[in-house]
Amino acid sequence: MRRVEGDSAWERVVEALPAAHLLQSAAWGEFKSTYGWTPERWAWDDPGGRAVAAAQVLRRWWPARGRWVSILYCPRGPALNWGDEALARGVLQDLAGLAAARRTVLVKIEPDVAASDQVEQLLHETGWSRSPQPVQFGSTMVLELQRNKEELLAAMKPKTRYNIRLAEKHGVVVRPGTSGKDLDQLYTLYAETAVRDGFVIRPRDYYMRAWGEFIAAGLAQPLLAEVDGRVVAGIIVLRFGRRAWYLYGMSGSSHREAMPNHALQWAGIRWARDVGCEAYDFWGAPETADPADPLWGLYRFKEGFGAQHVRLVGSWDHSRRPLLHWMYSFGLPRILSWTRRRQEDRTRRMVDPAAR
């Protein structure tokens, strides 16, 4: 286990691994460093000196000024060949060892690997326990892109193909976006989407920085759907290594019958394929394909494009300080709930002047 210093050195390590995830990229670590997280990057080498595993771990101190205690979070990592049990065991043991550092409450990992009895047993054997507070979705939907346009269309549900054609008949035009005015319009639509669908978003500056920095680095493409010259919906697709992610989607209340979201996803899929990505990750899905699940509608929408459901191994914690871990697990949800309520109110007031 060795520390990797510098963004370019880290990119060389991660991109050489078979499962490079966006949240393990140097760009993501640098972006999160603006919001109180400090990236710490670790690599594991084979006897020949070639990196075979890597983990970008984000550290956050609380309180920010007093720096009394910290938590460590490895989003969608570590990255390695999980079929190599000896390697996986060693990496998990090393990451668990980080919890022994003074004033460290816990280490949380959320590996980008499909759930299996073998991986879960290995996590248990190396001292990890399933976290009661996952950060990322526990499942996703993935579309393989190594096909031509006709094959991608043929793999879709008939209704999805119909809606793509319907969007064209209704005059939906999808265009690539840029920074500036386009991002302002997308955030306005994102706020409207959040209020309508009942989820919490962050303040505007967070997205302006996130979207703008990844666009500038060539790792993101905003796409805007217009009807009669008016922007009615949008998505932002990010890419890293050989994969693309549909991370942000937003839409207004008008022209929904024109199916702009279908047109946008088809454009995003083609963009990802054209820039050399081998898979398109739709990002979030229910744990199981259950019509009673609140995410069932999203599941059906994404499944329509031919995406396959992948249940991931989930979120896991390791702590050497049970009391602090319990206090963190007990208190954090209440703090986050209060913060979310405040942000919900701000977003609602922005979208609906009558709520001010």
Protein backbone atom coordinates (compact mmCIF):
# COMPACT_ATOMS: atom_id res chain seq x y z
CA MET A 1 0.00 0.00 0.00
CA ARG A 2 1.58 3.27 -1.10
CA ARG A 3 0.44 6.89 -1.10
CA VAL A 4 0.02 8.49 -4.55
CA GLU A 5 0.69 12.21 -4.78
CA GLY A 6 -0.44 14.46 -7.62
CA ASP A 7 -3.46 14.37 -9.91
CA SER A 8 -1.65 13.18 -13.03
CA ALA A 9 0.06 10.31 -11.17
CA TRP A 10 -3.30 9.26 -9.75
CA GLU A 11 -5.00 9.36 -13.15
CA ARG A 12 -2.36 7.03 -14.57
CA VAL A 13 -2.98 4.57 -11.75
CA VAL A 14 -6.79 4.58 -11.93
CA GLU A 15 -7.20 4.62 -15.69
CA ALA A 16 -4.99 1.54 -16.00
CA LEU A 17 -7.34 -0.51 -13.81
CA PRO A 18 -10.24 -2.47 -15.33
CA ALA A 19 -13.01 -0.67 -13.43
CA ALA A 20 -12.24 3.03 -13.30
CA HIS A 21 -15.14 4.91 -11.72
CA LEU A 22 -15.84 8.62 -12.04
CA LEU A 23 -15.99 9.06 -8.24
CA GLN A 24 -12.46 7.65 -7.99
CA SER A 25 -11.06 10.18 -10.49
CA ALA A 26 -8.69 12.98 -9.54
CA ALA A 27 -11.21 15.49 -10.90
CA TRP A 28 -13.86 14.27 -8.46
CA GLY A 29 -11.44 14.36 -5.54
CA GLU A 30 -10.38 17.91 -6.37
CA PHE A 31 -13.99 19.02 -6.76
CA LYS A 32 -14.94 17.58 -3.35
CA SER A 33 -11.93 19.26 -1.76
CA THR A 34 -13.75 22.56 -2.26
CA TYR A 35 -16.49 21.32 0.06
CA GLY A 36 -14.56 20.14 3.08
CA TRP A 37 -13.18 16.80 1.89
CA THR A 38 -9.47 16.03 1.56
CA PRO A 39 -8.58 13.28 -0.95
CA GLU A 40 -6.05 10.66 0.14
CA ARG A 41 -4.99 8.31 -2.65
CA TRP A 42 -3.61 4.82 -2.22
CA ALA A 43 -2.34 2.19 -4.65
CA TRP A 44 -1.35 -1.47 -4.34
CA ASP A 45 1.34 -2.86 -6.67
CA ASP A 46 2.14 -6.36 -7.88
CA PRO A 47 5.70 -7.72 -7.52
CA GLY A 48 6.60 -6.09 -10.82
CA GLY A 49 5.61 -2.62 -9.61
CA ARG A 50 2.38 -2.42 -11.63
CA ALA A 51 -0.64 -0.96 -9.82
CA VAL A 52 -3.33 -3.62 -9.40
CA ALA A 53 -5.66 -1.82 -6.97
CA ALA A 54 -6.43 1.76 -5.99
CA ALA A 55 -8.61 3.69 -3.56
CA GLN A 56 -9.31 7.41 -3.41
CA VAL A 57 -10.42 8.02 0.18
CA LEU A 58 -11.99 11.34 1.12
CA ARG A 59 -11.40 12.59 4.66
CA ARG A 60 -13.71 15.04 6.40
CA TRP A 61 -13.01 16.65 9.76
CA TRP A 62 -15.65 17.70 12.25
CA PRO A 63 -15.87 20.45 13.20
CA ALA A 64 -14.04 21.91 10.22
CA ARG A 65 -11.99 24.32 12.31
CA GLY A 66 -11.53 22.34 15.48
CA ARG A 67 -10.67 19.08 13.65
CA TRP A 68 -11.69 16.92 16.60
CA VAL A 69 -12.61 13.77 14.69
CA SER A 70 -12.72 12.65 11.07
CA ILE A 71 -14.47 10.14 8.86
CA LEU A 72 -13.04 8.51 5.74
CA TYR A 73 -15.19 7.75 2.70
CA CYS A 74 -14.19 5.79 -0.40
CA PRO A 75 -16.91 6.44 -3.01
CA ARG A 76 -17.34 3.60 -5.52
CA GLY A 77 -14.04 2.10 -4.47
CA PRO A 78 -11.64 0.47 -4.00
CA ALA A 79 -10.98 -0.36 -7.65
CA LEU A 80 -9.53 -3.82 -8.23
CA ASN A 81 -10.19 -7.25 -9.67
CA TRP A 82 -12.60 -8.65 -7.09
CA GLY A 83 -12.11 -12.11 -8.53
CA ASP A 84 -8.59 -12.10 -7.07
CA GLU A 85 -9.51 -13.03 -3.50
CA ALA A 86 -6.01 -12.62 -2.08
CA LEU A 87 -5.69 -9.12 -3.54
CA ALA A 88 -9.17 -8.07 -2.38
CA ARG A 89 -8.54 -9.41 1.12
CA GLY A 90 -5.27 -7.50 1.42
CA VAL A 91 -6.79 -4.24 0.18
CA LEU A 92 -9.78 -4.52 2.53
CA GLN A 93 -7.50 -5.22 5.48
CA ASP A 94 -5.30 -2.23 4.63
CA LEU A 95 -8.28 0.10 4.30
CA ALA A 96 -9.69 -1.19 7.60
CA GLY A 97 -6.34 -0.34 9.15
CA LEU A 98 -6.91 3.34 8.36
CA ALA A 99 -9.64 3.32 11.02
CA ALA A 100 -6.96 2.87 13.68
CA ALA A 101 -5.59 6.36 13.10
CA ARG A 102 -6.05 8.79 15.96
CA ARG A 103 -9.36 10.71 15.88
CA THR A 104 -10.76 8.62 13.02
CA VAL A 105 -14.36 7.56 13.67
CA LEU A 106 -14.84 5.20 10.74
CA VAL A 107 -13.94 4.26 7.20
CA LYS A 108 -16.82 3.84 4.75
CA ILE A 109 -16.47 2.11 1.37
CA GLU A 110 -19.03 1.64 -1.41
CA PRO A 111 -17.35 -0.64 -3.96
CA ASP A 112 -18.43 -0.57 -7.58
CA VAL A 113 -18.89 -4.32 -7.73
CA ALA A 114 -21.97 -6.49 -8.19
CA ALA A 115 -23.34 -8.09 -5.06
CA SER A 116 -22.25 -11.69 -4.48
CA ASP A 117 -21.95 -14.07 -1.57
CA GLN A 118 -18.19 -14.26 -2.15
CA VAL A 119 -17.61 -10.49 -1.88
CA GLU A 120 -19.95 -10.09 1.10
CA GLN A 121 -18.26 -12.94 2.95
CA LEU A 122 -14.87 -11.39 2.30
CA LEU A 123 -16.06 -8.04 3.68
CA HIS A 124 -17.34 -9.70 6.83
CA GLU A 125 -14.15 -11.71 7.27
CA THR A 126 -12.01 -8.57 7.08
CA GLY A 127 -14.01 -6.77 9.76
CA TRP A 128 -16.45 -4.70 7.71
CA SER A 129 -20.13 -4.33 8.62
CA ARG A 130 -23.00 -3.21 6.43
CA SER A 131 -23.58 0.51 6.89
CA PRO A 132 -26.94 1.83 8.08
CA GLN A 133 -26.20 5.05 6.19
CA PRO A 134 -25.42 4.45 2.51
CA VAL A 135 -24.42 7.48 0.46
CA GLN A 136 -24.82 6.20 -3.11
CA PHE A 137 -27.56 4.09 -4.67
CA GLY A 138 -27.29 0.38 -3.93
CA SER A 139 -28.18 -0.57 -7.51
CA THR A 140 -27.78 0.84 -10.98
CA MET A 141 -28.75 0.23 -14.60
CA VAL A 142 -26.02 -0.29 -17.20
CA LEU A 143 -26.26 -0.26 -20.99
CA GLU A 144 -23.48 -1.87 -23.03
CA LEU A 145 -22.48 0.43 -25.90
CA GLN A 146 -20.29 -1.80 -28.07
CA ARG A 147 -22.97 -1.98 -30.76
CA ASN A 148 -23.94 0.14 -33.74
CA LYS A 149 -26.87 2.55 -33.75
CA GLU A 150 -29.29 0.04 -35.26
CA GLU A 151 -28.36 -2.63 -32.72
CA LEU A 152 -28.80 -0.20 -29.82
CA LEU A 153 -32.25 0.76 -31.08
CA ALA A 154 -33.20 -2.89 -31.61
CA ALA A 155 -32.32 -3.68 -27.99
CA MET A 156 -34.79 -1.08 -26.69
CA LYS A 157 -38.37 -1.72 -25.69
CA PRO A 158 -40.80 -0.97 -28.56
CA LYS A 159 -42.45 1.80 -26.52
CA THR A 160 -39.08 3.50 -25.98
CA ARG A 161 -38.29 3.45 -29.70
CA TYR A 162 -41.77 4.84 -30.36
CA ASN A 163 -41.25 7.69 -27.88
CA ILE A 164 -37.90 8.60 -29.46
CA ARG A 165 -39.63 8.90 -32.83
CA LEU A 166 -42.53 10.75 -31.22
CA ALA A 167 -40.15 13.36 -29.79
CA GLU A 168 -38.83 14.01 -33.27
CA LYS A 169 -42.37 14.38 -34.65
CA HIS A 170 -43.19 16.88 -31.89
CA GLY A 171 -40.24 19.01 -32.94
CA VAL A 172 -37.93 18.24 -30.01
CA VAL A 173 -34.40 19.33 -30.87
CA VAL A 174 -31.49 18.21 -28.71
CA ARG A 175 -28.36 20.32 -28.78
CA PRO A 176 -25.06 20.21 -26.87
CA GLY A 177 -24.78 22.84 -24.17
CA THR A 178 -21.92 24.96 -22.91
CA SER A 179 -21.08 26.75 -19.69
CA GLY A 180 -22.72 30.05 -18.79
CA LYS A 181 -26.34 30.65 -19.76
CA ASP A 182 -26.98 26.99 -20.58
CA LEU A 183 -25.97 25.88 -17.09
CA ASP A 184 -28.14 28.59 -15.54
CA GLN A 185 -31.13 27.27 -17.48
CA LEU A 186 -30.34 23.70 -16.48
CA TYR A 187 -30.14 24.59 -12.80
CA THR A 188 -33.48 26.41 -12.96
CA LEU A 189 -35.03 23.27 -14.48
CA TYR A 190 -33.24 21.10 -11.90
CA ALA A 191 -34.77 23.12 -9.07
CA GLU A 192 -38.21 22.76 -10.65
CA THR A 193 -37.67 19.01 -10.99
CA ALA A 194 -36.61 18.70 -7.34
CA VAL A 195 -39.71 20.50 -6.08
CA ARG A 196 -42.02 18.51 -8.35
CA ASP A 197 -40.50 15.09 -7.63
CA GLY A 198 -39.70 15.66 -3.96
CA PHE A 199 -35.93 15.31 -3.73
CA VAL A 200 -33.29 17.63 -2.31
CA ILE A 201 -30.66 19.42 -4.38
CA ARG A 202 -27.70 21.50 -3.32
CA PRO A 203 -27.31 25.28 -3.72
CA ARG A 204 -26.70 26.67 -7.20
CA ASP A 205 -22.97 27.35 -6.73
CA TYR A 206 -22.30 23.65 -6.08
CA TYR A 207 -23.62 22.64 -9.50
CA MET A 208 -22.14 25.57 -11.35
CA ARG A 209 -18.73 24.47 -10.08
CA ALA A 210 -19.30 20.73 -10.55
CA TRP A 211 -20.73 20.97 -14.04
CA GLY A 212 -18.40 23.76 -15.16
CA GLU A 213 -15.20 22.07 -13.97
CA PHE A 214 -16.03 18.73 -15.58
CA ILE A 215 -17.06 20.40 -18.83
CA ALA A 216 -13.80 22.35 -18.88
CA ALA A 217 -11.85 19.11 -18.31
CA GLY A 218 -13.64 17.43 -21.22
CA LEU A 219 -15.34 14.96 -18.87
CA ALA A 220 -18.94 16.16 -19.15
CA GLN A 221 -21.45 17.04 -21.84
CA PRO A 222 -24.65 18.95 -21.11
CA LEU A 223 -27.50 18.26 -23.53
CA LEU A 224 -30.55 20.52 -23.79
CA ALA A 225 -33.90 19.62 -25.36
CA GLU A 226 -35.77 22.49 -27.00
CA VAL A 227 -39.28 22.85 -28.37
CA ASP A 228 -39.89 25.92 -30.51
CA GLY A 229 -36.57 27.34 -29.32
CA ARG A 230 -37.41 27.00 -25.62
CA VAL A 231 -35.38 24.73 -23.33
CA VAL A 232 -37.78 22.23 -21.74
CA ALA A 233 -35.44 19.55 -20.38
CA GLY A 234 -31.79 18.62 -20.08
CA ILE A 235 -29.27 16.05 -18.91
CA ILE A 236 -25.59 16.13 -18.07
CA VAL A 237 -23.55 13.08 -18.99
CA LEU A 238 -20.10 12.59 -17.44
CA ARG A 239 -17.40 10.20 -18.58
CA PHE A 240 -14.21 8.70 -17.20
CA GLY A 241 -12.14 5.84 -18.51
CA ARG A 242 -14.33 3.63 -20.66
CA ARG A 243 -17.67 4.47 -19.07
CA ALA A 244 -20.22 7.28 -19.10
CA TRP A 245 -22.72 8.20 -16.39
CA TYR A 246 -26.09 9.89 -16.63
CA LEU A 247 -25.72 11.79 -13.38
CA TYR A 248 -28.11 14.72 -13.66
CA GLY A 249 -31.50 15.08 -15.33
CA MET A 250 -33.94 17.95 -15.24
CA SER A 251 -37.21 18.90 -16.91
CA GLY A 252 -39.89 21.55 -16.76
CA SER A 253 -43.64 21.08 -16.63
CA SER A 254 -44.32 22.08 -20.23
CA HIS A 255 -44.14 19.88 -23.35
CA ARG A 256 -43.76 16.68 -21.36
CA GLU A 257 -46.05 14.97 -23.87
CA ALA A 258 -43.37 15.60 -26.50
CA MET A 259 -41.08 13.05 -24.81
CA PRO A 260 -37.98 15.27 -24.52
CA ASN A 261 -36.42 12.94 -21.93
CA HIS A 262 -36.42 10.05 -24.39
CA ALA A 263 -34.75 12.22 -27.00
CA LEU A 264 -32.17 13.38 -24.46
CA GLN A 265 -31.21 9.87 -23.34
CA TRP A 266 -30.86 8.68 -26.92
CA ALA A 267 -28.58 11.67 -27.62
CA GLY A 268 -26.59 10.97 -24.43
CA ILE A 269 -26.14 7.31 -25.34
CA ARG A 270 -24.89 8.21 -28.82
CA TRP A 271 -22.52 10.86 -27.44
CA ALA A 272 -21.04 8.39 -24.97
CA ARG A 273 -20.55 5.80 -27.69
CA ASP A 274 -18.99 8.34 -30.06
CA VAL A 275 -16.37 9.42 -27.49
CA GLY A 276 -15.26 5.82 -27.00
CA CYS A 277 -17.21 4.70 -23.92
CA GLU A 278 -18.10 1.03 -23.67
CA ALA A 279 -20.92 1.37 -21.14
CA TYR A 280 -23.56 3.92 -20.18
CA ASP A 281 -24.47 3.91 -16.50
CA PHE A 282 -27.95 5.26 -15.70
CA TRP A 283 -26.79 5.71 -12.06
CA GLY A 284 -29.75 4.87 -9.82
CA ALA A 285 -32.23 1.99 -9.54
CA PRO A 286 -34.33 0.20 -6.92
CA GLU A 287 -32.74 -2.70 -5.07
CA THR A 288 -35.16 -5.11 -6.75
CA ALA A 289 -37.55 -4.78 -9.67
CA ASP A 290 -40.59 -4.22 -7.49
CA PRO A 291 -43.58 -2.20 -8.79
CA ALA A 292 -44.21 -1.02 -5.21
CA ASP A 293 -40.80 0.64 -5.02
CA PRO A 294 -40.82 4.47 -5.32
CA LEU A 295 -38.10 4.16 -7.99
CA TRP A 296 -40.16 1.76 -10.13
CA GLY A 297 -40.96 4.44 -12.70
CA LEU A 298 -37.27 5.28 -13.13
CA TYR A 299 -36.47 1.59 -13.42
CA ARG A 300 -39.00 1.12 -16.22
CA PHE A 301 -37.76 4.21 -18.04
CA LYS A 302 -34.13 3.09 -17.94
CA GLU A 303 -34.96 -0.53 -18.71
CA GLY A 304 -36.72 0.70 -21.83
CA PHE A 305 -33.36 1.68 -23.34
CA GLY A 306 -32.03 -1.85 -22.90
CA ALA A 307 -30.15 -1.21 -19.65
CA GLN A 308 -29.54 -4.16 -17.33
CA HIS A 309 -30.16 -4.00 -13.60
CA VAL A 310 -27.04 -4.40 -11.44
CA ARG A 311 -27.37 -4.80 -7.68
CA LEU A 312 -24.17 -3.59 -6.07
CA VAL A 313 -22.58 -4.91 -2.89
CA GLY A 314 -23.61 -1.75 -1.05
CA SER A 315 -22.17 0.44 1.70
CA TRP A 316 -19.81 -0.93 4.38
CA ASP A 317 -18.20 0.60 7.49
CA HIS A 318 -15.20 -0.25 9.62
CA SER A 319 -14.59 1.41 12.97
CA ARG A 320 -12.26 0.83 15.92
CA ARG A 321 -14.26 3.22 18.10
CA PRO A 322 -17.75 1.78 18.71
CA LEU A 323 -18.97 4.64 20.92
CA LEU A 324 -17.96 7.37 18.47
CA HIS A 325 -19.37 5.30 15.62
CA TRP A 326 -22.69 4.99 17.44
CA MET A 327 -22.78 8.73 18.18
CA TYR A 328 -22.01 9.47 14.53
CA SER A 329 -24.70 7.04 13.31
CA PHE A 330 -27.24 8.47 15.76
CA GLY A 331 -26.55 12.16 15.29
CA LEU A 332 -25.69 12.52 11.61
CA PRO A 333 -29.13 11.59 10.21
CA ARG A 334 -30.74 14.26 12.37
CA ILE A 335 -28.26 16.91 11.25
CA LEU A 336 -28.71 15.93 7.62
CA SER A 337 -32.48 15.95 7.95
CA TRP A 338 -32.40 19.49 9.30
CA THR A 339 -30.05 20.59 6.52
CA ARG A 340 -32.23 19.00 3.84
CA ARG A 341 -35.36 20.72 5.15
CA ARG A 342 -33.63 24.09 4.95
CA GLN A 343 -32.44 23.44 1.40
CA GLU A 344 -35.89 22.20 0.36
CA ASP A 345 -37.38 25.47 1.59
CA ARG A 346 -34.79 27.51 -0.31
CA THR A 347 -35.39 25.58 -3.53
CA ARG A 348 -39.17 25.86 -3.21
CA ARG A 349 -38.95 29.62 -2.71
CA MET A 350 -36.74 29.92 -5.78
CA VAL A 351 -39.18 27.97 -7.96
CA ASP A 352 -42.44 29.31 -6.52
CA PRO A 353 -42.49 33.04 -5.72
CA ALA A 354 -45.70 32.51 -3.70
CA ALA A 355 -43.72 30.39 -1.22
CA ARG A 356 -41.40 33.27 -0.35
